[in-house]
């Protein structure tokens, strides 16, 4: 075990023998920053939810984009960016050994066309980002293979669902978090294979249940008490959620009252120290079907990974934020949004397919052997977008690496100051929130959002004061299930959901039953009862 001090925040962090093997195997230097500071730097390179109406610089059409009109570089709509109408190599330039690499990369990035949104294969999904192969969806983000979904994030194979987070292979869900293979579930969290239920927490294989925790293959349970079907319906009516209430419309105050009551109720039951399923020898939370993963969050089908979040099908990967796809990634480090068959990708942003890629951004379709490139497609042996022969490339890259070692750039992800987005447009503001003054004191940019003028029929958010409207499909969903119209803006509802998820941080704490020491995202100060795996299983089965 080796101890190091973070060059940014001065906190101590540690490298294990396995970590040292990984860095040596990949021929890259050990990190100089702690995991949190490395994550922060990557998060500033991800604008997930902020969209603007602007012109495509290639076609002149009005488009949706993650960049406003004031960015220095051209922005191309998705079909035009992916077309053969232009070639990123036309912007190539020589490497200048008298200047830092990042300075030269900024100049390249500021002239080469950038992709308006990260989307692919969608149908009738104009108001989305980080989304692929969806149909008839509105304001969904980091979502794939879903249909008729609205105001949801990190969903896969979902249908007819609204205001959800981390939902997979589920249908007719509302205001729910971390659901898998569920049907007609409302106001629930961390459930698998459940149906026709309200207010569930950590339940599996249960249906027609209300306000219950840790159920396994149960039916007609009301606040963890067995009922007959007739008793169950009567008790639903008593709290305002019976069939007659749904037909007339459930009251907003009854929902809020039940949310508060259910939160207090679930605190009486043990919670497993992490949220996982089919996981071996791993730490973190929201982990599915993964082995030997450390401090990972929101991953599935991963193996031998560390500090990876919201990704799937990763193997031997460190410090990667988001993506993976069916083909995944292998032997990659300190990168954001990489996958679809990546191998040996380092310190890069938005790479789909390819191998042997360093310090590159938004390069798609299996580029190989590229260094410091931006917006390339199907390219090989390029440096700063300039084409080289294999021999020229292999001679020049080691010299550039030596130069970057002297400037202190080698082994460091792109600086936050190079991000094409302002701090509060990015994921950084969600996980590392700062004030405008703090951001500007760091030498970073802050976006002052325009004050929206309420249009006729707009609802004013009871928290943020931002106006919003209800779309027709959303209104039909609420009417179908007797749900009241929300009083909060979609952004505020997303913030509320995120506040209910577990943090991306681990604390040392004991099991509250057997005192086994655990690494858990539940801090010792939280009110939940926390059990280790064996104690929890003994409780619920």
Protein backbone atom coordinates (compact mmCIF):
# COMPACT_ATOMS: atom_id res chain seq x y z
CA UNK A 1 0.00 0.00 0.00
CA UNK A 2 1.41 3.37 -1.07
CA UNK A 3 0.17 6.70 0.33
CA UNK A 4 0.07 9.88 -1.74
CA UNK A 5 -1.11 13.46 -1.21
CA UNK A 6 -3.49 14.97 -3.74
CA UNK A 7 -1.88 17.88 -5.59
CA UNK A 8 -5.21 19.71 -5.68
CA UNK A 9 -6.84 19.27 -2.26
CA UNK A 10 -3.89 17.82 -0.27
CA UNK A 11 -5.96 14.90 1.02
CA UNK A 12 -4.29 11.52 1.38
CA UNK A 13 -5.16 8.66 -0.95
CA UNK A 14 -3.73 5.20 -1.37
CA UNK A 15 -2.52 2.93 -4.14
CA UNK A 16 -2.70 -0.83 -3.66
CA UNK A 17 -0.45 -3.41 -5.29
CA UNK A 18 -3.29 -4.06 -7.74
CA UNK A 19 -3.43 -0.34 -8.60
CA UNK A 20 0.30 -0.23 -9.26
CA UNK A 21 0.00 -3.31 -11.47
CA UNK A 22 -2.76 -1.59 -13.48
CA UNK A 23 -0.75 1.57 -14.13
CA UNK A 24 2.38 -0.39 -15.02
CA UNK A 25 0.45 -2.74 -17.29
CA UNK A 26 -1.04 0.22 -19.17
CA UNK A 27 2.27 2.11 -19.24
CA UNK A 28 0.74 5.23 -17.71
CA UNK A 29 1.81 7.18 -14.61
CA UNK A 30 0.22 6.88 -11.19
CA UNK A 31 -2.43 9.53 -10.48
CA UNK A 32 -1.43 12.74 -8.74
CA UNK A 33 -4.97 13.61 -7.63
CA UNK A 34 -7.31 11.83 -5.25
CA UNK A 35 -10.31 9.94 -6.69
CA UNK A 36 -12.72 12.80 -5.91
CA UNK A 37 -10.59 15.43 -7.64
CA UNK A 38 -10.14 13.14 -10.63
CA UNK A 39 -13.91 12.63 -10.82
CA UNK A 40 -14.58 16.37 -10.52
CA UNK A 41 -12.28 17.08 -13.45
CA UNK A 42 -14.10 14.55 -15.65
CA UNK A 43 -17.54 15.74 -14.56
CA UNK A 44 -16.79 19.25 -15.86
CA UNK A 45 -16.65 17.65 -19.31
CA UNK A 46 -20.22 16.36 -19.20
CA UNK A 47 -23.22 18.54 -19.97
CA UNK A 48 -26.00 16.02 -19.62
CA UNK A 49 -29.20 18.01 -19.15
CA UNK A 50 -28.81 21.61 -20.36
CA UNK A 51 -30.10 22.12 -23.91
CA UNK A 52 -30.25 25.22 -26.09
CA UNK A 53 -32.05 26.17 -29.29
CA UNK A 54 -29.50 27.39 -31.84
CA UNK A 55 -28.45 27.18 -35.49
CA UNK A 56 -26.44 24.35 -36.99
CA UNK A 57 -23.31 25.94 -38.47
CA UNK A 58 -23.27 23.35 -41.22
CA UNK A 59 -26.85 23.48 -42.50
CA UNK A 60 -28.32 26.64 -41.00
CA UNK A 61 -31.21 24.66 -39.52
CA UNK A 62 -32.57 25.36 -36.05
CA UNK A 63 -31.50 22.55 -33.73
CA UNK A 64 -31.25 21.49 -30.10
CA UNK A 65 -27.70 21.46 -28.76
CA UNK A 66 -25.74 21.28 -25.54
CA UNK A 67 -23.88 24.43 -26.65
CA UNK A 68 -25.39 27.91 -26.91
CA UNK A 69 -24.63 30.37 -29.72
CA UNK A 70 -21.70 31.96 -27.88
CA UNK A 71 -19.20 29.09 -28.07
CA UNK A 72 -16.13 29.79 -30.25
CA UNK A 73 -16.35 26.61 -32.34
CA UNK A 74 -18.88 25.55 -35.00
CA UNK A 75 -21.64 23.20 -33.86
CA UNK A 76 -23.13 20.64 -36.24
CA UNK A 77 -26.44 18.84 -35.91
CA UNK A 78 -26.13 15.10 -35.39
CA UNK A 79 -26.85 13.88 -38.96
CA UNK A 80 -24.56 16.49 -40.50
CA UNK A 81 -21.75 15.84 -38.02
CA UNK A 82 -21.82 12.13 -38.85
CA UNK A 83 -22.01 12.72 -42.61
CA UNK A 84 -19.15 12.68 -45.11
CA UNK A 85 -19.68 16.38 -45.90
CA UNK A 86 -16.62 17.33 -43.86
CA UNK A 87 -13.45 15.76 -42.45
CA UNK A 88 -11.88 16.61 -39.10
CA UNK A 89 -8.43 16.05 -40.59
CA UNK A 90 -8.87 19.25 -42.60
CA UNK A 91 -8.22 21.08 -39.31
CA UNK A 92 -4.96 19.24 -38.56
CA UNK A 93 -1.85 21.09 -37.44
CA UNK A 94 1.76 20.41 -36.47
CA UNK A 95 2.73 19.81 -32.86
CA UNK A 96 4.75 22.70 -31.39
CA UNK A 97 7.34 21.51 -28.88
CA UNK A 98 7.77 25.08 -27.63
CA UNK A 99 4.26 25.17 -26.16
CA UNK A 100 2.21 23.07 -23.70
CA UNK A 101 0.06 20.34 -25.21
CA UNK A 102 -3.20 21.49 -23.60
CA UNK A 103 -2.79 24.98 -25.08
CA UNK A 104 -2.50 23.48 -28.55
CA UNK A 105 -5.45 21.15 -27.96
CA UNK A 106 -7.62 24.10 -26.92
CA UNK A 107 -6.83 25.88 -30.20
CA UNK A 108 -7.77 22.79 -32.19
CA UNK A 109 -10.97 22.27 -30.23
CA UNK A 110 -12.02 25.88 -30.80
CA UNK A 111 -12.05 25.52 -34.60
CA UNK A 112 -13.10 21.94 -35.33
CA UNK A 113 -16.89 21.31 -35.54
CA UNK A 114 -18.43 19.85 -32.38
CA UNK A 115 -21.37 17.47 -32.07
CA UNK A 116 -24.59 19.20 -31.00
CA UNK A 117 -25.90 16.34 -28.86
CA UNK A 118 -24.81 12.81 -28.04
CA UNK A 119 -27.70 10.87 -29.58
CA UNK A 120 -28.11 8.01 -32.04
CA UNK A 121 -30.90 5.95 -33.57
CA UNK A 122 -33.77 7.85 -31.92
CA UNK A 123 -37.25 8.40 -33.35
CA UNK A 124 -39.27 11.47 -32.33
CA UNK A 125 -36.90 12.30 -29.47
CA UNK A 126 -35.63 15.79 -30.29
CA UNK A 127 -35.51 17.01 -26.68
CA UNK A 128 -33.04 14.42 -25.39
CA UNK A 129 -29.31 14.01 -24.83
CA UNK A 130 -26.97 11.11 -24.10
CA UNK A 131 -29.70 8.93 -25.56
CA UNK A 132 -29.87 6.18 -28.16
CA UNK A 133 -32.45 4.02 -29.91
CA UNK A 134 -35.44 5.54 -28.12
CA UNK A 135 -38.90 6.32 -29.49
CA UNK A 136 -41.40 9.05 -28.60
CA UNK A 137 -39.52 10.32 -25.55
CA UNK A 138 -39.19 13.82 -24.09
CA UNK A 139 -36.49 15.19 -21.81
CA UNK A 140 -34.83 11.87 -21.10
CA UNK A 141 -31.09 11.76 -20.50
CA UNK A 142 -28.57 8.92 -20.50
CA UNK A 143 -31.34 6.65 -21.79
CA UNK A 144 -31.38 3.81 -24.29
CA UNK A 145 -33.91 1.52 -25.96
CA UNK A 146 -36.90 3.18 -24.27
CA UNK A 147 -40.30 4.23 -25.54
CA UNK A 148 -42.91 6.78 -24.46
CA UNK A 149 -40.89 7.94 -21.45
CA UNK A 150 -40.65 11.47 -20.08
CA UNK A 151 -38.46 13.40 -17.60
CA UNK A 152 -36.30 10.38 -16.77
CA UNK A 153 -32.58 9.65 -16.56
CA UNK A 154 -30.38 6.56 -16.70
CA UNK A 155 -33.14 4.32 -18.04
CA UNK A 156 -32.74 1.24 -20.23
CA UNK A 157 -35.50 -0.67 -22.03
CA UNK A 158 -38.23 1.31 -20.22
CA UNK A 159 -41.74 2.01 -21.50
CA UNK A 160 -44.53 4.40 -20.57
CA UNK A 161 -42.74 5.79 -17.54
CA UNK A 162 -42.44 9.30 -16.11
CA UNK A 163 -40.06 10.93 -13.62
CA UNK A 164 -37.86 7.90 -13.07
CA UNK A 165 -34.17 7.35 -12.35
CA UNK A 166 -32.16 4.17 -12.95
CA UNK A 167 -35.00 2.07 -14.34
CA UNK A 168 -34.35 -1.03 -16.48
CA UNK A 169 -36.73 -3.29 -18.39
CA UNK A 170 -39.77 -1.75 -16.69
CA UNK A 171 -43.11 -0.27 -17.71
CA UNK A 172 -45.66 2.15 -16.27
CA UNK A 173 -43.41 3.40 -13.50
CA UNK A 174 -43.69 6.83 -11.90
CA UNK A 175 -41.44 8.71 -9.47
CA UNK A 176 -39.35 5.61 -8.88
CA UNK A 177 -35.63 4.95 -8.48
CA UNK A 178 -33.52 1.89 -9.26
CA UNK A 179 -36.18 -0.48 -10.56
CA UNK A 180 -35.61 -3.60 -12.63
CA UNK A 181 -38.24 -5.66 -14.45
CA UNK A 182 -41.10 -3.85 -12.72
CA UNK A 183 -44.61 -3.04 -13.94
CA UNK A 184 -47.00 -0.34 -12.77
CA UNK A 185 -44.98 0.81 -9.78
CA UNK A 186 -45.31 4.26 -8.21
CA UNK A 187 -43.17 6.12 -5.64
CA UNK A 188 -40.80 3.21 -5.03
CA UNK A 189 -37.07 2.48 -4.76
CA UNK A 190 -34.67 -0.44 -5.22
CA UNK A 191 -37.17 -3.07 -6.37
CA UNK A 192 -36.96 -6.04 -8.74
CA UNK A 193 -39.77 -7.96 -10.48
CA UNK A 194 -42.59 -6.15 -8.66
CA UNK A 195 -45.93 -5.00 -10.06
CA UNK A 196 -49.10 -3.05 -9.32
CA UNK A 197 -47.79 -1.47 -6.15
CA UNK A 198 -47.19 1.88 -4.46
CA UNK A 199 -44.49 3.03 -2.04
CA UNK A 200 -42.17 0.03 -1.96
CA UNK A 201 -38.57 -0.14 -0.77
CA UNK A 202 -36.16 -3.01 -1.45
CA UNK A 203 -38.81 -5.51 -2.51
CA UNK A 204 -38.49 -8.47 -4.90
CA UNK A 205 -41.18 -10.46 -6.70
CA UNK A 206 -44.11 -8.77 -4.97
CA UNK A 207 -47.38 -7.40 -6.33
CA UNK A 208 -50.44 -5.56 -5.10
CA UNK A 209 -48.53 -4.16 -2.14
CA UNK A 210 -48.50 -0.72 -0.55
CA UNK A 211 -46.09 1.03 1.80
CA UNK A 212 -43.92 -2.01 2.38
CA UNK A 213 -40.21 -2.76 2.89
CA UNK A 214 -38.01 -5.82 2.26
CA UNK A 215 -40.81 -8.03 0.91
CA UNK A 216 -39.96 -11.21 -0.96
CA UNK A 217 -42.60 -12.75 -3.23
CA UNK A 218 -45.58 -11.31 -1.36
CA UNK A 219 -49.03 -10.14 -2.40
CA UNK A 220 -51.64 -7.91 -0.74
CA UNK A 221 -49.37 -6.43 1.89
CA UNK A 222 -50.19 -3.04 3.39
CA UNK A 223 -47.36 -1.53 5.43
CA UNK A 224 -45.83 -5.01 5.77
CA UNK A 225 -49.06 -6.59 7.04
CA UNK A 226 -50.77 -9.41 5.15
CA UNK A 227 -54.31 -8.57 4.00
CA UNK A 228 -57.08 -10.27 2.13
CA UNK A 229 -57.81 -8.64 -1.25
CA UNK A 230 -60.89 -7.00 0.27
CA UNK A 231 -58.97 -5.70 3.28
CA UNK A 232 -56.22 -4.41 1.01
CA UNK A 233 -58.62 -2.39 -1.15
CA UNK A 234 -60.37 -1.01 1.92
CA UNK A 235 -57.10 0.13 3.47
CA UNK A 236 -56.05 1.78 0.20
CA UNK A 237 -59.29 3.76 0.24
CA UNK A 238 -58.71 4.81 3.84
CA UNK A 239 -55.45 6.55 2.86
CA UNK A 240 -56.75 8.02 -0.40
CA UNK A 241 -55.30 5.53 -2.91
CA UNK A 242 -58.28 3.26 -3.59
CA UNK A 243 -59.78 2.63 -7.01
CA UNK A 244 -62.40 5.33 -6.42
CA UNK A 245 -59.63 7.80 -5.51
CA UNK A 246 -57.73 6.98 -8.70
CA UNK A 247 -60.89 7.52 -10.74
CA UNK A 248 -61.61 10.86 -9.07
CA UNK A 249 -57.95 11.88 -8.89
CA UNK A 250 -55.57 11.32 -5.99
CA UNK A 251 -54.99 14.44 -3.92
CA UNK A 252 -51.58 16.08 -3.88
CA UNK A 253 -51.69 16.39 -0.10
CA UNK A 254 -52.37 12.65 0.28
CA UNK A 255 -49.28 11.85 -1.78
CA UNK A 256 -47.08 14.18 0.25
CA UNK A 257 -48.47 12.83 3.53
CA UNK A 258 -47.84 9.24 2.40
CA UNK A 259 -44.29 10.04 1.27
CA UNK A 260 -43.47 11.37 4.72
CA UNK A 261 -45.24 8.49 6.48
CA UNK A 262 -43.51 5.87 4.34
CA UNK A 263 -40.06 7.39 4.86
CA UNK A 264 -40.53 7.22 8.63
CA UNK A 265 -41.86 3.66 8.33
CA UNK A 266 -38.92 2.31 6.33
CA UNK A 267 -36.47 3.57 8.94
CA UNK A 268 -37.78 0.81 11.22
CA UNK A 269 -36.37 -1.87 8.93
CA UNK A 270 -32.77 -2.87 8.21
CA UNK A 271 -31.18 -1.66 4.99
CA UNK A 272 -28.46 -3.62 3.26
CA UNK A 273 -25.18 -1.70 3.48
CA UNK A 274 -25.07 -1.31 -0.33
CA UNK A 275 -27.59 -1.62 -3.16
CA UNK A 276 -26.45 -4.49 -5.34
CA UNK A 277 -27.52 -7.73 -6.98
CA UNK A 278 -25.50 -10.69 -8.26
CA UNK A 279 -22.29 -8.98 -7.20
CA UNK A 280 -19.07 -10.48 -5.86
CA UNK A 281 -16.20 -8.86 -3.99
CA UNK A 282 -17.23 -5.30 -4.85
CA UNK A 283 -17.75 -1.98 -3.08
CA UNK A 284 -19.90 1.00 -3.96
CA UNK A 285 -23.61 0.91 -4.73
CA UNK A 286 -26.18 0.37 -7.46
CA UNK A 287 -24.06 -2.52 -8.76
CA UNK A 288 -25.49 -5.38 -10.82
CA UNK A 289 -23.86 -8.61 -12.00
CA UNK A 290 -20.29 -7.45 -11.43
CA UNK A 291 -17.15 -8.89 -9.87
CA UNK A 292 -14.06 -7.42 -8.22
CA UNK A 293 -15.09 -3.79 -8.62
CA UNK A 294 -14.00 -1.18 -6.08
CA UNK A 295 -15.69 2.13 -5.30
CA UNK A 296 -17.98 1.87 -8.31
CA UNK A 297 -21.49 3.29 -8.59
CA UNK A 298 -24.26 2.58 -11.08
CA UNK A 299 -22.48 -0.21 -12.96
CA UNK A 300 -23.56 -3.53 -14.40
CA UNK A 301 -21.75 -6.42 -16.07
CA UNK A 302 -18.34 -5.08 -15.03
CA UNK A 303 -15.21 -6.85 -13.87
CA UNK A 304 -11.97 -5.75 -12.21
CA UNK A 305 -12.83 -2.03 -12.28
CA UNK A 306 -12.19 0.84 -9.91
CA UNK A 307 -13.72 4.33 -9.63
CA UNK A 308 -16.13 3.62 -12.51
CA UNK A 309 -19.62 5.16 -12.51
CA UNK A 310 -22.76 4.70 -14.62
CA UNK A 311 -21.19 2.23 -17.04
CA UNK A 312 -21.66 -1.33 -18.24
CA UNK A 313 -19.56 -4.10 -19.73
CA UNK A 314 -16.27 -2.65 -18.50
CA UNK A 315 -13.24 -4.81 -17.75
CA UNK A 316 -9.95 -3.69 -16.20
CA UNK A 317 -10.98 -0.04 -16.31
CA UNK A 318 -10.11 2.74 -13.83
CA UNK A 319 -11.62 6.21 -13.43
CA UNK A 320 -14.23 6.16 -16.18
CA UNK A 321 -17.46 8.13 -16.09
CA UNK A 322 -20.46 6.85 -18.07
CA UNK A 323 -21.11 4.57 -21.04
CA UNK A 324 -19.82 1.15 -22.05
CA UNK A 325 -22.65 -0.19 -24.29
CA UNK A 326 -22.86 -3.84 -25.28
CA UNK A 327 -19.26 -3.94 -26.53
CA UNK A 328 -17.98 -2.13 -23.42
CA UNK A 329 -14.38 -1.12 -22.85
CA UNK A 330 -11.19 -2.76 -21.62
CA UNK A 331 -7.90 -1.44 -20.23
CA UNK A 332 -8.90 2.23 -20.22
CA UNK A 333 -8.21 4.97 -17.70
CA UNK A 334 -9.29 8.46 -16.61
CA UNK A 335 -11.77 9.06 -19.42
CA UNK A 336 -15.35 10.15 -19.85
CA UNK A 337 -18.07 8.59 -22.02
CA UNK A 338 -16.13 5.81 -23.67
CA UNK A 339 -17.34 2.43 -24.89
CA UNK A 340 -18.76 0.54 -27.87
CA UNK A 341 -15.62 -1.56 -28.06
CA UNK A 342 -12.87 0.72 -26.72
CA UNK A 343 -9.50 -0.67 -25.69
CA UNK A 344 -6.48 1.23 -24.40
CA UNK A 345 -8.15 4.64 -24.28
CA UNK A 346 -6.56 7.13 -21.90
CA UNK A 347 -7.37 10.67 -20.74
CA UNK A 348 -10.06 11.08 -23.39
CA UNK A 349 -13.62 12.31 -23.77
CA UNK A 350 -16.49 10.79 -25.78
CA UNK A 351 -14.80 7.95 -27.65
CA UNK A 352 -16.97 5.31 -29.37
CA UNK A 353 -14.97 2.30 -30.45
CA UNK A 354 -11.29 2.15 -31.27
CA UNK A 355 -8.03 1.49 -29.52
CA UNK A 356 -4.72 3.11 -28.62
CA UNK A 357 -6.28 6.55 -28.16
CA UNK A 358 -4.76 9.30 -26.01
CA UNK A 359 -5.99 12.79 -25.11
CA UNK A 360 -8.76 12.88 -27.72
CA UNK A 361 -12.34 14.13 -27.75
CA UNK A 362 -15.50 13.22 -29.65
CA UNK A 363 -13.95 10.64 -31.96
CA UNK A 364 -16.27 7.95 -33.30
CA UNK A 365 -16.28 4.84 -35.48
CA UNK A 366 -13.21 2.91 -34.39
CA UNK A 367 -10.37 5.39 -34.64
CA UNK A 368 -7.02 3.81 -33.82
CA UNK A 369 -3.65 5.24 -32.84
CA UNK A 370 -4.70 8.87 -32.45
CA UNK A 371 -3.24 11.42 -30.03
CA UNK A 372 -4.68 14.84 -29.15
CA UNK A 373 -7.45 14.71 -31.74
CA UNK A 374 -10.95 16.18 -31.83
CA UNK A 375 -13.99 15.24 -33.92
CA UNK A 376 -12.48 12.47 -36.03
CA UNK A 377 -14.26 9.54 -37.68
CA UNK A 378 -12.55 6.32 -38.80
CA UNK A 379 -9.06 7.82 -38.57
CA UNK A 380 -5.68 6.22 -37.92
CA UNK A 381 -2.27 7.62 -36.99
CA UNK A 382 -3.32 11.22 -36.38
CA UNK A 383 -1.87 13.82 -34.01
CA UNK A 384 -3.78 17.08 -33.46
CA UNK A 385 -5.99 15.91 -36.36
CA UNK A 386 -3.03 15.80 -38.76
CA UNK A 387 -2.53 12.59 -40.73
CA UNK A 388 0.79 10.75 -40.38
CA UNK A 389 2.19 7.47 -41.63
CA UNK A 390 2.51 4.64 -39.10
CA UNK A 391 6.26 5.17 -38.92
CA UNK A 392 5.97 8.94 -38.47
CA UNK A 393 3.32 8.52 -35.77
CA UNK A 394 5.30 5.96 -33.79
CA UNK A 395 8.37 8.19 -33.91
CA UNK A 396 6.58 11.40 -32.89
CA UNK A 397 4.28 10.20 -30.08
CA UNK A 398 7.09 9.22 -27.64
CA UNK A 399 8.62 12.66 -28.14
CA UNK A 400 5.29 14.32 -27.35
CA UNK A 401 4.92 12.21 -24.22
CA UNK A 402 8.39 13.25 -23.05
CA UNK A 403 7.48 16.87 -23.73
CA UNK A 404 4.26 16.48 -21.69
CA UNK A 405 6.20 14.96 -18.82
CA UNK A 406 8.34 18.11 -18.71
CA UNK A 407 5.26 20.38 -18.77
CA UNK A 408 3.48 18.29 -16.10
CA UNK A 409 0.64 17.35 -18.46
CA UNK A 410 1.31 13.64 -19.05
CA UNK A 411 -1.02 11.45 -16.99
CA UNK A 412 -3.53 14.24 -16.33
CA UNK A 413 -7.03 14.40 -17.83
CA UNK A 414 -8.02 17.58 -19.70
CA UNK A 415 -8.07 20.58 -17.32
CA UNK A 416 -11.44 21.88 -16.16
CA UNK A 417 -10.62 25.20 -17.82
CA UNK A 418 -10.59 23.49 -21.23
CA UNK A 419 -14.12 22.15 -20.90
CA UNK A 420 -16.39 23.48 -23.65
CA UNK A 421 -19.13 23.99 -21.04
CA UNK A 422 -19.50 26.28 -18.08
CA UNK A 423 -19.24 24.66 -14.65
CA UNK A 424 -22.94 24.90 -13.77
CA UNK A 425 -23.95 23.34 -17.09
CA UNK A 426 -22.15 20.14 -16.19
CA UNK A 427 -22.40 17.12 -13.93
CA UNK A 428 -19.82 18.78 -11.68
CA UNK A 429 -22.47 21.12 -10.28
CA UNK A 430 -24.63 18.12 -9.29
CA UNK A 431 -21.95 16.22 -7.38
CA UNK A 432 -19.62 19.07 -6.38
CA UNK A 433 -21.97 22.09 -6.11
CA UNK A 434 -20.33 25.51 -5.92
CA UNK A 435 -21.49 29.11 -5.98
CA UNK A 436 -20.82 31.39 -8.92
CA UNK A 437 -18.19 33.20 -6.87
CA UNK A 438 -16.40 29.96 -5.97
CA UNK A 439 -16.38 28.82 -9.59
CA UNK A 440 -15.00 32.12 -10.87
CA UNK A 441 -12.36 32.14 -8.12
CA UNK A 442 -11.12 28.83 -9.59
CA UNK A 443 -10.73 30.53 -12.97
CA UNK A 444 -13.68 28.64 -14.44
CA UNK A 445 -16.77 29.82 -16.31
CA UNK A 446 -20.31 30.18 -14.96
CA UNK A 447 -23.47 30.42 -17.08
CA UNK A 448 -26.07 32.96 -15.93
CA UNK A 449 -29.39 31.40 -16.93
CA UNK A 450 -31.92 33.64 -18.61
CA UNK A 451 -35.02 34.51 -16.62
CA UNK A 452 -37.90 32.79 -18.37
CA UNK A 453 -41.13 34.71 -18.87
CA UNK A 454 -44.12 32.52 -18.00
CA UNK A 455 -46.27 31.69 -21.01
CA UNK A 456 -50.03 31.36 -20.88
CA UNK A 457 -50.99 28.21 -19.01
CA UNK A 458 -47.56 27.79 -17.41
CA UNK A 459 -47.21 26.42 -13.88
CA UNK A 460 -44.77 28.18 -11.55
CA UNK A 461 -42.55 25.77 -9.63
CA UNK A 462 -43.27 25.98 -5.90
CA UNK A 463 -39.54 25.65 -5.12
CA UNK A 464 -37.50 27.30 -7.87
CA UNK A 465 -40.09 29.69 -9.30
CA UNK A 466 -39.29 28.45 -12.82
CA UNK A 467 -42.28 28.19 -15.17
CA UNK A 468 -43.11 24.90 -16.88
CA UNK A 469 -45.87 23.31 -18.91
CA UNK A 470 -47.43 19.88 -19.04
CA UNK A 471 -47.19 18.11 -22.41
CA UNK A 472 -50.20 16.20 -23.71
CA UNK A 473 -48.70 12.71 -23.29
CA UNK A 474 -47.75 13.54 -19.72
CA UNK A 475 -51.27 14.79 -18.93
CA UNK A 476 -52.74 11.57 -20.33
CA UNK A 477 -50.43 9.52 -18.10
CA UNK A 478 -51.52 11.44 -14.99
CA UNK A 479 -55.20 11.05 -15.90
CA UNK A 480 -54.82 7.31 -16.53
CA UNK A 481 -53.47 6.70 -13.01
CA UNK A 482 -55.34 9.43 -11.18
CA UNK A 483 -52.15 11.32 -10.42
CA UNK A 484 -52.19 15.05 -9.67
CA UNK A 485 -50.34 17.51 -11.86
CA UNK A 486 -46.84 18.16 -10.42
CA UNK A 487 -46.24 21.44 -8.64
CA UNK A 488 -42.49 21.36 -9.29
CA UNK A 489 -40.45 22.03 -12.42
CA UNK A 490 -38.95 18.91 -14.11
CA UNK A 491 -35.45 20.07 -13.10
CA UNK A 492 -36.53 20.38 -9.47
CA UNK A 493 -38.16 16.94 -9.58
CA UNK A 494 -34.87 15.53 -10.89
CA UNK A 495 -32.99 17.27 -8.07
CA UNK A 496 -35.43 15.81 -5.56
CA UNK A 497 -34.88 12.29 -6.92
CA UNK A 498 -31.12 12.66 -6.88
CA UNK A 499 -31.30 13.73 -3.24
CA UNK A 500 -32.92 10.38 -2.43
CA UNK A 501 -30.11 8.35 -4.01
CA UNK A 502 -27.03 7.18 -2.16
CA UNK A 503 -23.93 9.38 -2.45
CA UNK A 504 -20.84 8.38 -4.42
CA UNK A 505 -18.78 8.08 -1.29
CA UNK A 506 -17.95 5.25 1.10
CA UNK A 507 -17.67 5.37 4.88
CA UNK A 508 -16.25 2.83 7.29
CA UNK A 509 -19.07 1.76 9.58
CA UNK A 510 -20.16 -1.38 11.49
CA UNK A 511 -23.08 -3.65 10.77
CA UNK A 512 -25.75 -2.63 13.28
CA UNK A 513 -26.37 -6.29 14.17
CA UNK A 514 -23.04 -8.15 14.18
CA UNK A 515 -20.57 -5.20 14.18
CA UNK A 516 -18.74 -6.42 11.06
CA UNK A 517 -16.85 -3.48 9.57
CA UNK A 518 -18.28 -2.34 6.24
CA UNK A 519 -17.56 0.14 3.47
CA UNK A 520 -20.94 1.72 2.90
CA UNK A 521 -22.48 4.74 1.14
CA UNK A 522 -24.62 5.13 4.28
CA UNK A 523 -22.66 7.47 6.52
CA UNK A 524 -22.58 6.60 10.25
CA UNK A 525 -24.63 9.73 10.98
CA UNK A 526 -27.61 8.61 8.89
CA UNK A 527 -30.73 7.27 10.65
CA UNK A 528 -31.06 4.00 8.70
CA UNK A 529 -30.40 0.62 10.33
CA UNK A 530 -27.55 -0.90 8.30
CA UNK A 531 -26.87 -4.63 8.06
CA UNK A 532 -24.10 -6.57 6.39
CA UNK A 533 -24.99 -8.99 3.61
CA UNK A 534 -25.42 -12.10 5.77
CA UNK A 535 -27.40 -10.34 8.50
CA UNK A 536 -29.66 -8.69 5.93
CA UNK A 537 -30.36 -11.97 4.13
CA UNK A 538 -31.17 -13.59 7.46
CA UNK A 539 -33.69 -10.83 8.12
CA UNK A 540 -35.58 -10.83 4.82
CA UNK A 541 -35.70 -14.56 4.02
